[in-house]
């Protein structure tokens, strides 16, 4: 059986770039997860309150412009 040839510099560079990109993605994911957890804890919700509707005031709203 033939032995594989020596690993080229180009292959090492590709593998190193791939590894760095993977690490950068993991760091970004961790950062987003941390920010998401921090944002969720900023707004304490009452039991049974929908987080999408929290802070919305029902009823008539002020006009967006004062052209009236």
Foldseek 3Di string as FASTA:
>chain_A
DDDDDDDDPVNVVVVVVVVVVVVVVVVVVVVVVVVVVVVVVVDDDDPPDDPVCPPDDDDDDDDPDPPD
